[in-house]
């Protein structure tokens, strides 16, 4: 797994040597769900979490997710974003 994507650092906080949540008070985390392919459309879902530490226990607050749908454009030889769906509570 890469250590960064763009300007964002990737951290496996479950296996980190330092307690990032306790050190920073809270962290914003994004879980990338497995890609799904449905009728030629690739869907990628990102789930947004705010992780905090309360009396030694990690509290995960889910503020929803977003699904990005891409379809391959053979003329341009690239995938094109065709839909963004926000799932909130």
Protein backbone atom coordinates (compact mmCIF):
# COMPACT_ATOMS: atom_id res chain seq x y z
CA UNK A 1 0.00 0.00 0.00
CA UNK A 2 1.36 3.47 -0.81
CA UNK A 3 2.17 5.83 2.06
CA UNK A 4 0.38 8.76 0.37
CA UNK A 5 -2.34 9.47 -2.17
CA UNK A 6 -1.87 13.00 -3.44
CA UNK A 7 -1.41 15.17 -0.36
CA UNK A 8 -3.15 12.67 1.95
CA UNK A 9 -1.13 10.31 4.13
CA UNK A 10 -2.32 6.68 4.35
CA UNK A 11 -2.11 5.26 7.87
CA UNK A 12 -3.17 1.84 9.12
CA UNK A 13 -4.17 3.18 12.53
CA UNK A 14 -4.94 -0.30 13.91
CA UNK A 15 -1.31 -1.36 13.41
CA UNK A 16 0.38 1.99 14.01
CA UNK A 17 3.14 2.12 16.65
CA UNK A 18 1.80 5.44 17.95
CA UNK A 19 -1.75 6.11 19.06
CA UNK A 20 -2.66 8.67 16.39
CA UNK A 21 -6.19 9.11 17.70
CA UNK A 22 -5.04 9.89 21.24
CA UNK A 23 -2.13 12.08 20.04
CA UNK A 24 -4.37 14.29 17.87
CA UNK A 25 -7.61 14.07 19.90
CA UNK A 26 -9.52 12.87 16.85
CA UNK A 27 -8.79 11.98 13.24
CA UNK A 28 -10.81 12.00 10.06
CA UNK A 29 -10.64 8.66 8.24
CA UNK A 30 -11.97 7.40 4.93
CA UNK A 31 -12.60 3.71 4.34
CA UNK A 32 -12.41 2.59 0.72
CA UNK A 33 -14.89 -0.21 0.08
CA UNK A 34 -14.14 -2.93 -2.51
CA UNK A 35 -14.93 -1.87 -6.08
CA UNK A 36 -18.08 -3.24 -7.64
CA UNK A 37 -18.70 -3.74 -11.34
CA UNK A 38 -22.31 -3.72 -12.50
CA UNK A 39 -23.25 -3.76 -16.21
CA UNK A 40 -19.96 -2.15 -17.25
CA UNK A 41 -20.11 0.52 -14.56
CA UNK A 42 -17.40 0.58 -11.88
CA UNK A 43 -18.58 1.82 -8.48
CA UNK A 44 -16.24 2.97 -5.74
CA UNK A 45 -17.68 3.80 -2.32
CA UNK A 46 -15.86 5.93 0.25
CA UNK A 47 -17.10 5.89 3.86
CA UNK A 48 -16.28 8.90 6.03
CA UNK A 49 -15.49 8.46 9.76
CA UNK A 50 -14.50 10.73 12.62
CA UNK A 51 -12.48 8.65 15.09
CA UNK A 52 -11.98 9.81 18.66
CA UNK A 53 -10.72 8.33 21.90
CA UNK A 54 -13.00 8.24 24.91
CA UNK A 55 -11.65 6.71 28.12
CA UNK A 56 -9.29 4.46 26.18
CA UNK A 57 -11.91 3.26 23.69
CA UNK A 58 -12.07 4.27 20.04
CA UNK A 59 -15.34 5.85 19.01
CA UNK A 60 -16.16 5.81 15.28
CA UNK A 61 -18.80 8.22 14.05
CA UNK A 62 -19.99 7.58 10.50
CA UNK A 63 -21.16 10.70 8.72
CA UNK A 64 -22.24 8.85 5.59
CA UNK A 65 -20.63 7.72 2.38
CA UNK A 66 -20.32 8.62 -1.26
CA UNK A 67 -20.38 6.33 -4.28
CA UNK A 68 -18.60 7.31 -7.48
CA UNK A 69 -19.72 5.56 -10.69
CA UNK A 70 -17.44 5.36 -13.72
CA UNK A 71 -18.04 4.02 -17.22
CA UNK A 72 -15.36 3.31 -19.81
CA UNK A 73 -15.40 5.61 -22.84
CA UNK A 74 -13.76 3.62 -25.64
CA UNK A 75 -13.42 6.66 -27.93
CA UNK A 76 -11.32 8.50 -25.33
CA UNK A 77 -9.83 5.29 -23.87
CA UNK A 78 -10.54 6.37 -20.31
CA UNK A 79 -13.07 6.00 -17.53
CA UNK A 80 -15.54 8.86 -17.13
CA UNK A 81 -17.37 9.81 -13.94
CA UNK A 82 -21.07 9.39 -14.71
CA UNK A 83 -22.62 9.71 -11.24
CA UNK A 84 -21.92 10.67 -7.63
CA UNK A 85 -24.35 9.50 -4.97
CA UNK A 86 -24.20 10.73 -1.38
CA UNK A 87 -25.57 8.40 1.30
CA UNK A 88 -26.23 10.22 4.56
CA UNK A 89 -28.03 9.43 7.76
